Amino acid sequence: MKMENKKINTFDIKRRKLLRNSFLGMCSLPFSSSVFAGLSSSSDDSILGKKRVIVYELNGGNDGLSTIIPYNDSLYKKFRPTLALGRDEVIPLNSDIALSNNLSYMSQLFKDNDVAIIQDVGYPNPDLSHFVSRAIWDSGKPAKANSDATGWYGDLVVQNRSAFQEANLDVDALCFESHAAFTNGEGVTSLNTKNIAEFLKSDFVEPNANTNSSSAQQYLYSLMEKNKQVRLRLLSRLNNKLPKWSGYDTPLNRNIEMVNWFIKEGVKTPIYKIAQSGFDTHSNQKNTHIHLMKTLNQSLEMLVTSLKKSSEWNNTIILVRSEFGRRVEENGGRGTDHGTSGPVFLIGGSVNGGVYGKRAALDDLDGNGNLKYTTDFRQVYSTIASNFFELKNNVFLKQGFETIGFI
């Protein structure tokens, strides 16, 4: 999408429309004591202030068997006569599994030992509902997942309050999509970009070099009016500057650019979240999934290129996951129905690359014809808490979920 090139000194945005289309929203939870602690000071040696996880959610239930392919398993082709990927459609990782050839950039990162693949991640008594399974992943509590449940990240903040306070973070988390339940239990700043495409098309004109700082300041102020402290903190960190949007023609691309922009400008938060939709492939899956993998591949390249350029590659982990996988056997519509376990990817300069966990057997399915998980998803969270953020109080480790060697 091309932006109209106008020279402007002010932003002509009507307040009523701005409020309707604003892409910055705050969650309704109370702000934590760790947020905005010491506005004029900083803790430069704090791990929480330097490192971050970018959660990249594949909304809809990604088909793991079309992402990490058991290309030498005869049952794979038996279960999927039209959906099985051929040898010319995959990139072998070892003698057992291969990567979709539409993930060529990820393949190169894997060769560089910057990608950890955790096979068949899931949880006990899997739920095939999008909403329930997403709530389980967000809460970290398979038996207690509901709208009132605290989030896995919120629990870590609560249990490590002093560490978060000492880090003098700008915000506890930044969410560039609507599902922010993983932060429940501790207040966070949530960026809601649901209406950003309409917002950009109707109102946004990219400022030129002549745009005065007060205009940019007023623009950001109007977007951040929900909370004065958030406004002041982020304005100070971002120096009243605005991102350049030219060339980012989809909501996902713009969300990625927002994440890249915040990181480059030094915003201190341990976690970001973005999401790619479209993975509920009940029919005509093959071509759809090819497009989804190409989009994921391009998105990762955008993120990684920026992280390397800003020297933040070693301080960042990109966590790619979905709420569940797909049924092993294809359905009559040349698609797949809701399943259980699937692969999780950890990507970053500090990651110990490789393949972790055991591949679920295609000849030992559950009663619904789904895979039996081999790694509990809480082990991923446990590893991030202890080995990446180095938090002293790891709620998952206390529950018996051992760390994995990807960090």
Protein backbone atom coordinates (compact mmCIF):
# COMPACT_ATOMS: atom_id res chain seq x y z
CA MET A 1 0.00 0.00 0.00
CA LYS A 2 1.48 3.34 -1.05
CA MET A 3 1.18 6.25 1.32
CA GLU A 4 0.21 9.62 -0.11
CA ASN A 5 3.21 11.93 0.08
CA LYS A 6 2.07 15.15 1.73
CA LYS A 7 4.09 17.77 3.54
CA ILE A 8 2.46 18.50 6.85
CA ASN A 9 3.27 20.28 10.07
CA THR A 10 0.31 19.00 12.06
CA PHE A 11 -1.74 15.83 12.25
CA ASP A 12 -5.27 16.45 11.02
CA ILE A 13 -7.03 13.76 13.02
CA LYS A 14 -10.47 14.25 14.44
CA ARG A 15 -10.73 13.27 18.07
CA ARG A 16 -13.89 11.19 17.66
CA LYS A 17 -12.44 9.08 14.83
CA LEU A 18 -9.12 8.77 16.60
CA LEU A 19 -10.78 7.33 19.67
CA ARG A 20 -12.73 4.86 17.54
CA ASN A 21 -9.70 3.67 15.55
CA SER A 22 -6.96 4.10 18.12
CA PHE A 23 -4.53 1.19 18.10
CA LEU A 24 -3.21 1.76 21.59
CA GLY A 25 -5.33 0.38 24.41
CA MET A 26 -4.69 -0.56 28.00
CA CYS A 27 -5.90 -3.74 29.62
CA SER A 28 -8.37 -3.25 32.45
CA LEU A 29 -6.18 -4.76 35.15
CA PRO A 30 -4.53 -2.53 37.76
CA PHE A 31 -0.97 -1.52 37.00
CA SER A 32 1.71 -3.43 38.82
CA SER A 33 4.11 -1.85 41.20
CA SER A 34 6.93 -2.84 38.88
CA VAL A 35 5.64 -0.67 36.06
CA PHE A 36 7.15 2.83 35.92
CA ALA A 37 9.22 2.30 39.06
CA GLY A 38 11.84 5.03 39.12
CA LEU A 39 10.96 7.02 35.99
CA SER A 40 14.21 8.94 36.02
CA SER A 41 16.47 6.05 36.91
CA SER A 42 17.46 2.80 35.25
CA SER A 43 19.11 -0.49 36.09
CA ASP A 44 21.48 -1.06 33.18
CA ASP A 45 22.68 -4.43 34.44
CA SER A 46 19.21 -5.95 34.91
CA ILE A 47 18.58 -9.05 32.80
CA LEU A 48 14.86 -8.24 32.66
CA GLY A 49 15.70 -4.81 31.28
CA LYS A 50 17.98 -6.19 28.58
CA LYS A 51 16.35 -9.40 27.42
CA ARG A 52 12.98 -10.09 25.84
CA VAL A 53 10.76 -12.84 24.48
CA ILE A 54 8.61 -12.20 21.41
CA VAL A 55 5.65 -14.58 21.49
CA TYR A 56 4.58 -15.28 17.90
CA GLU A 57 1.21 -17.04 18.05
CA LEU A 58 -0.16 -19.06 15.13
CA ASN A 59 -3.87 -18.54 15.67
CA GLY A 60 -6.29 -21.26 14.62
CA GLY A 61 -4.28 -24.41 15.27
CA ASN A 62 -1.21 -24.91 13.12
CA ASP A 63 -0.77 -28.28 11.37
CA GLY A 64 2.48 -29.53 12.83
CA LEU A 65 2.70 -32.40 10.35
CA SER A 66 2.86 -29.88 7.50
CA THR A 67 5.48 -27.81 9.33
CA ILE A 68 7.80 -30.46 10.76
CA ILE A 69 7.29 -33.38 8.41
CA PRO A 70 8.02 -37.06 9.23
CA TYR A 71 8.98 -37.54 5.61
CA ASN A 72 10.32 -41.08 5.99
CA ASP A 73 7.32 -42.44 7.91
CA SER A 74 5.08 -44.51 5.61
CA LEU A 75 2.06 -43.84 7.84
CA TYR A 76 2.36 -40.12 7.10
CA LYS A 77 1.43 -40.65 3.45
CA LYS A 78 -1.16 -43.28 4.34
CA PHE A 79 -3.02 -40.87 6.63
CA ARG A 80 -2.64 -37.98 4.19
CA PRO A 81 -3.02 -39.10 0.59
CA THR A 82 -3.53 -35.56 -0.76
CA LEU A 83 -1.89 -33.42 1.95
CA ALA A 84 1.41 -35.26 2.46
CA LEU A 85 4.38 -33.21 1.30
CA GLY A 86 6.74 -34.87 -1.17
CA ARG A 87 10.54 -35.00 -1.04
CA ASP A 88 10.73 -31.97 -3.33
CA GLU A 89 8.57 -29.95 -0.92
CA VAL A 90 10.65 -30.35 2.24
CA ILE A 91 14.07 -29.47 3.66
CA PRO A 92 15.45 -32.47 5.62
CA LEU A 93 16.75 -31.68 9.10
CA ASN A 94 17.82 -35.24 9.83
CA SER A 95 16.90 -38.74 8.69
CA ASP A 96 13.54 -38.56 10.48
CA ILE A 97 12.04 -35.09 10.06
CA ALA A 98 12.09 -32.24 7.58
CA LEU A 99 11.02 -28.61 7.48
CA SER A 100 8.52 -27.25 4.98
CA ASN A 101 10.51 -25.80 2.09
CA ASN A 102 8.47 -22.62 2.47
CA LEU A 103 10.45 -22.00 5.68
CA SER A 104 13.76 -21.51 3.90
CA TYR A 105 14.86 -18.61 6.13
CA MET A 106 14.10 -20.63 9.26
CA SER A 107 16.07 -23.48 7.71
CA GLN A 108 19.13 -21.27 7.43
CA LEU A 109 18.72 -20.15 11.04
CA PHE A 110 18.52 -23.82 12.02
CA LYS A 111 21.79 -24.50 10.20
CA ASP A 112 23.30 -21.62 12.18
CA ASN A 113 22.17 -23.35 15.42
CA ASP A 114 19.79 -20.48 16.20
CA VAL A 115 16.55 -22.52 16.14
CA ALA A 116 15.41 -25.04 18.73
CA ILE A 117 12.53 -27.27 17.64
CA ILE A 118 10.57 -28.86 20.48
CA GLN A 119 8.60 -31.79 19.08
CA ASP A 120 4.96 -32.51 19.93
CA VAL A 121 4.38 -30.05 22.74
CA GLY A 122 1.04 -30.25 24.53
CA TYR A 123 -0.67 -30.93 27.86
CA PRO A 124 -2.69 -33.69 29.60
CA ASN A 125 -6.32 -34.25 28.64
CA PRO A 126 -6.16 -31.98 25.58
CA ASP A 127 -9.09 -29.75 24.74
CA LEU A 128 -9.99 -29.28 21.07
CA SER A 129 -11.69 -25.89 21.57
CA HIS A 130 -9.76 -22.89 20.26
CA PHE A 131 -10.87 -20.78 23.22
CA VAL A 132 -10.19 -23.32 25.96
CA SER A 133 -6.85 -24.46 24.57
CA ARG A 134 -5.70 -20.87 24.09
CA ALA A 135 -6.73 -20.15 27.69
CA ILE A 136 -4.68 -23.14 28.83
CA TRP A 137 -1.57 -21.96 26.99
CA ASP A 138 -2.07 -18.41 28.30
CA SER A 139 -2.66 -19.42 31.91
CA GLY A 140 -0.25 -22.34 32.16
CA LYS A 141 -2.99 -24.16 34.09
CA PRO A 142 -4.69 -26.98 32.12
CA ALA A 143 -6.97 -27.84 35.05
CA LYS A 144 -7.95 -24.27 35.95
CA ALA A 145 -8.00 -22.32 32.70
CA ASN A 146 -10.86 -19.80 32.65
CA SER A 147 -11.42 -16.08 32.31
CA ASP A 148 -10.42 -15.51 35.94
CA ALA A 149 -7.19 -17.52 35.79
CA THR A 150 -3.91 -15.71 36.21
CA GLY A 151 -1.51 -15.88 33.28
CA TRP A 152 1.75 -17.80 33.10
CA TYR A 153 3.71 -14.57 32.67
CA GLY A 154 1.60 -12.73 35.25
CA ASP A 155 2.44 -15.45 37.76
CA LEU A 156 6.15 -15.02 37.11
CA VAL A 157 5.85 -11.27 37.65
CA VAL A 158 3.96 -11.72 40.92
CA GLN A 159 6.41 -14.32 42.24
CA ASN A 160 9.44 -12.20 41.28
CA ARG A 161 8.12 -8.76 42.15
CA SER A 162 11.40 -7.40 43.51
CA ALA A 163 13.31 -8.38 40.36
CA PHE A 164 10.76 -6.63 38.16
CA GLN A 165 10.84 -3.54 40.38
CA GLU A 166 14.63 -3.37 40.32
CA ALA A 167 14.65 -3.63 36.51
CA ASN A 168 12.85 -0.26 36.21
CA LEU A 169 10.92 -1.49 33.20
CA ASP A 170 8.96 0.84 30.98
CA VAL A 171 6.09 -1.66 30.93
CA ASP A 172 5.61 -5.27 32.00
CA ALA A 173 4.51 -6.46 28.53
CA LEU A 174 3.40 -5.18 25.13
CA CYS A 175 0.70 -7.08 23.25
CA PHE A 176 0.13 -6.31 19.59
CA GLU A 177 -3.02 -8.42 19.40
CA SER A 178 -6.18 -8.87 21.45
CA HIS A 179 -5.31 -12.03 23.43
CA ALA A 180 -3.36 -10.78 26.46
CA ALA A 181 -4.59 -13.24 29.10
CA PHE A 182 -1.06 -14.53 29.67
CA THR A 183 -0.45 -11.29 31.60
CA ASN A 184 -3.41 -11.72 33.98
CA GLY A 185 -2.53 -11.21 37.62
CA GLU A 186 -0.30 -8.23 37.04
CA GLY A 187 -1.17 -5.03 35.18
CA VAL A 188 0.43 -4.46 31.80
CA THR A 189 0.34 -2.03 28.92
CA SER A 190 -1.40 -3.64 25.96
CA LEU A 191 -1.12 -2.33 22.41
CA ASN A 192 -4.25 -3.32 20.53
CA THR A 193 -3.66 -3.12 16.77
CA LYS A 194 -6.95 -4.72 15.70
CA ASN A 195 -8.05 -1.60 13.80
CA ILE A 196 -4.67 -0.40 12.64
CA ALA A 197 -5.23 -1.09 8.93
CA GLU A 198 -8.35 1.10 8.82
CA PHE A 199 -6.61 3.67 10.99
CA LEU A 200 -3.67 3.97 8.62
CA LYS A 201 -5.77 4.08 5.47
CA SER A 202 -8.14 6.75 6.74
CA ASP A 203 -6.10 9.06 8.91
CA PHE A 204 -2.39 8.45 8.97
CA VAL A 205 0.00 10.52 6.88
CA GLU A 206 3.67 9.83 7.40
CA PRO A 207 5.36 12.95 8.81
CA ASN A 208 8.32 14.41 6.97
CA ALA A 209 11.47 15.88 8.42
CA ASN A 210 9.75 19.24 8.89
CA THR A 211 7.16 17.85 11.28
CA ASN A 212 7.68 19.65 14.55
CA SER A 213 8.14 17.68 17.74
CA SER A 214 5.03 19.09 19.36
CA SER A 215 2.85 17.59 16.61
CA ALA A 216 4.40 14.17 17.11
CA GLN A 217 4.04 14.59 20.84
CA GLN A 218 0.35 15.49 20.57
CA TYR A 219 -0.23 12.55 18.26
CA LEU A 220 1.31 10.09 20.71
CA TYR A 221 -0.45 11.77 23.60
CA SER A 222 -3.84 11.26 21.98
CA LEU A 223 -3.08 7.58 21.36
CA MET A 224 -1.85 7.03 24.89
CA GLU A 225 -4.47 9.07 26.73
CA LYS A 226 -5.72 6.07 28.74
CA ASN A 227 -2.96 6.44 31.29
CA LYS A 228 -0.81 9.46 32.01
CA GLN A 229 2.13 7.52 33.38
CA VAL A 230 2.26 5.22 30.36
CA ARG A 231 2.16 8.26 28.11
CA LEU A 232 4.98 10.05 29.88
CA ARG A 233 7.18 7.00 30.18
CA LEU A 234 6.91 5.90 26.54
CA LEU A 235 7.17 9.44 25.19
CA SER A 236 10.38 9.90 27.12
CA ARG A 237 11.78 6.60 25.88
CA LEU A 238 10.73 7.13 22.25
CA ASN A 239 11.83 10.79 22.13
CA ASN A 240 8.46 11.80 20.64
CA LYS A 241 9.31 10.06 17.38
CA LEU A 242 6.97 8.13 15.08
CA PRO A 243 7.75 4.99 13.09
CA LYS A 244 8.01 4.97 9.32
CA TRP A 245 5.15 2.89 7.93
CA SER A 246 5.84 2.89 4.19
CA GLY A 247 5.93 -0.62 2.69
CA TYR A 248 4.12 -2.38 5.53
CA ASP A 249 0.88 -3.32 3.82
CA THR A 250 -0.65 -5.86 6.25
CA PRO A 251 -1.60 -5.65 9.93
CA LEU A 252 0.94 -8.37 10.75
CA ASN A 253 3.77 -6.51 9.00
CA ARG A 254 2.88 -3.30 10.79
CA ASN A 255 2.77 -5.09 14.13
CA ILE A 256 6.21 -6.54 13.47
CA GLU A 257 7.51 -3.11 12.55
CA MET A 258 6.06 -1.72 15.78
CA VAL A 259 7.90 -4.40 17.76
CA ASN A 260 11.11 -3.67 15.86
CA TRP A 261 10.66 0.06 16.43
CA PHE A 262 10.10 -0.28 20.18
CA ILE A 263 13.16 -2.51 20.52
CA LYS A 264 15.38 -0.19 18.47
CA GLU A 265 14.25 2.78 20.56
CA GLY A 266 15.23 0.96 23.76
CA VAL A 267 11.80 0.35 25.29
CA LYS A 268 12.38 -1.89 28.29
CA THR A 269 9.90 -4.75 28.50
CA PRO A 270 10.62 -8.48 28.87
CA ILE A 271 7.83 -9.69 26.58
CA TYR A 272 6.04 -8.82 23.35
CA LYS A 273 3.22 -10.69 21.65
CA ILE A 274 2.13 -10.74 18.02
CA ALA A 275 -0.12 -13.15 16.15
CA GLN A 276 -0.63 -14.56 12.66
CA SER A 277 -4.13 -15.82 11.90
CA GLY A 278 -5.62 -18.25 9.38
CA PHE A 279 -4.42 -21.63 10.67
CA ASP A 280 -7.84 -23.27 11.14
CA THR A 281 -7.50 -25.27 7.92
CA HIS A 282 -10.54 -27.57 7.83
CA SER A 283 -10.66 -27.63 4.02
CA ASN A 284 -8.35 -27.15 1.04
CA GLN A 285 -5.43 -27.02 3.45
CA LYS A 286 -2.41 -27.58 1.24
CA ASN A 287 -2.31 -24.31 -0.69
CA THR A 288 -3.51 -22.35 2.33
CA HIS A 289 -0.79 -23.77 4.55
CA ILE A 290 1.87 -23.07 1.93
CA HIS A 291 0.85 -19.40 2.02
CA LEU A 292 0.82 -19.41 5.84
CA MET A 293 4.35 -20.84 5.97
CA LYS A 294 5.60 -18.27 3.47
CA THR A 295 4.12 -15.50 5.61
CA LEU A 296 5.73 -16.94 8.75
CA ASN A 297 9.06 -17.21 6.94
CA GLN A 298 8.92 -13.58 5.78
CA SER A 299 7.84 -12.39 9.22
CA LEU A 300 10.75 -14.13 10.90
CA GLU A 301 13.13 -12.57 8.41
CA MET A 302 11.75 -9.11 9.22
CA LEU A 303 12.19 -9.67 12.94
CA VAL A 304 15.61 -11.31 12.83
CA THR A 305 17.10 -8.84 10.35
CA SER A 306 16.08 -5.93 12.57
CA LEU A 307 17.27 -7.64 15.76
CA LYS A 308 20.68 -8.30 14.25
CA LYS A 309 20.95 -4.76 12.92
CA SER A 310 20.15 -3.31 16.35
CA SER A 311 22.55 -5.76 18.09
CA GLU A 312 19.67 -7.31 20.05
CA TRP A 313 19.81 -10.78 18.46
CA ASN A 314 21.54 -12.40 21.43
CA ASN A 315 19.15 -10.73 23.88
CA THR A 316 15.95 -11.94 22.21
CA ILE A 317 14.04 -15.21 21.85
CA ILE A 318 11.18 -15.57 19.38
CA LEU A 319 8.73 -18.17 20.68
CA VAL A 320 6.53 -19.57 17.88
CA ARG A 321 3.56 -21.63 19.05
CA SER A 322 -0.10 -22.47 18.37
CA GLU A 323 -3.01 -23.37 20.64
CA PHE A 324 -3.05 -26.94 19.27
CA GLY A 325 -2.10 -29.02 16.24
CA ARG A 326 -4.31 -30.82 13.71
CA ARG A 327 -5.80 -34.31 13.36
CA VAL A 328 -3.36 -36.83 11.88
CA GLU A 329 -5.71 -38.12 9.19
CA GLU A 330 -6.95 -35.67 6.58
CA ASN A 331 -10.71 -35.19 6.28
CA GLY A 332 -13.01 -35.41 3.27
CA GLY A 333 -12.51 -31.74 2.47
CA ARG A 334 -8.77 -32.14 1.94
CA GLY A 335 -8.16 -30.41 5.23
CA THR A 336 -7.57 -31.40 8.84
CA ASP A 337 -9.67 -31.08 11.98
CA HIS A 338 -8.65 -29.93 15.45
CA GLY A 339 -5.85 -31.93 16.99
CA THR A 340 -3.56 -31.92 20.00
CA SER A 341 0.21 -31.53 20.13
CA GLY A 342 2.45 -29.66 17.74
CA PRO A 343 5.96 -28.23 17.39
CA VAL A 344 7.20 -25.18 19.26
CA PHE A 345 10.08 -23.10 17.91
CA LEU A 346 12.56 -21.06 19.95
CA ILE A 347 14.62 -18.73 17.78
CA GLY A 348 17.48 -16.45 18.84
CA GLY A 349 21.20 -15.83 19.03
CA SER A 350 21.47 -17.32 22.53
CA VAL A 351 19.43 -20.43 21.68
CA ASN A 352 21.10 -23.84 21.66
CA GLY A 353 19.80 -24.97 18.30
CA GLY A 354 18.66 -28.48 17.51
CA VAL A 355 15.73 -30.86 17.81
CA TYR A 356 14.40 -31.57 21.31
CA GLY A 357 11.89 -34.05 22.62
CA LYS A 358 10.47 -37.21 21.11
CA ARG A 359 8.37 -37.30 17.96
CA ALA A 360 4.88 -38.63 18.67
CA ALA A 361 4.29 -42.00 17.03
CA LEU A 362 1.82 -42.14 14.16
CA ASP A 363 0.96 -45.74 15.09
CA ASP A 364 0.00 -44.84 18.67
CA LEU A 365 -2.74 -42.23 18.48
CA ASP A 366 -5.35 -41.33 21.09
CA GLY A 367 -9.01 -42.31 20.86
CA ASN A 368 -9.78 -39.38 18.55
CA GLY A 369 -6.98 -40.16 16.14
CA ASN A 370 -4.74 -37.42 17.49
CA LEU A 371 -1.09 -37.35 18.49
CA LYS A 372 -0.06 -38.01 22.08
CA TYR A 373 2.06 -35.14 23.36
CA THR A 374 5.62 -35.92 24.44
CA THR A 375 6.71 -32.59 26.01
CA ASP A 376 4.60 -30.50 28.40
CA PHE A 377 4.30 -26.86 27.32
CA ARG A 378 5.07 -25.70 30.84
CA GLN A 379 8.63 -26.99 30.40
CA VAL A 380 9.09 -24.31 27.73
CA TYR A 381 7.91 -21.61 30.14
CA SER A 382 10.06 -23.09 32.91
CA THR A 383 13.16 -22.91 30.71
CA ILE A 384 12.50 -19.30 29.75
CA ALA A 385 11.97 -18.33 33.39
CA SER A 386 15.09 -19.99 34.81
CA ASN A 387 17.61 -20.11 31.99
CA PHE A 388 16.79 -16.97 29.99
CA PHE A 389 15.38 -14.45 32.47
CA GLU A 390 17.22 -16.13 35.39
CA LEU A 391 14.29 -15.62 37.75
CA LYS A 392 14.81 -17.01 41.24
CA ASN A 393 11.17 -18.01 41.73
CA ASN A 394 10.18 -20.31 38.88
CA VAL A 395 6.59 -21.38 39.54
CA PHE A 396 6.82 -24.09 36.87
CA LEU A 397 10.03 -25.60 38.22
CA LYS A 398 8.40 -25.78 41.64
CA GLN A 399 5.55 -27.73 40.03
CA GLY A 400 8.02 -30.27 38.66
CA PHE A 401 8.38 -29.03 35.08
CA GLU A 402 12.07 -29.41 34.36
CA THR A 403 13.93 -27.12 32.01
CA ILE A 404 14.95 -28.08 28.48
CA GLY A 405 18.44 -27.52 27.09
CA PHE A 406 17.57 -24.96 24.43
CA ILE A 407 18.98 -22.22 26.68
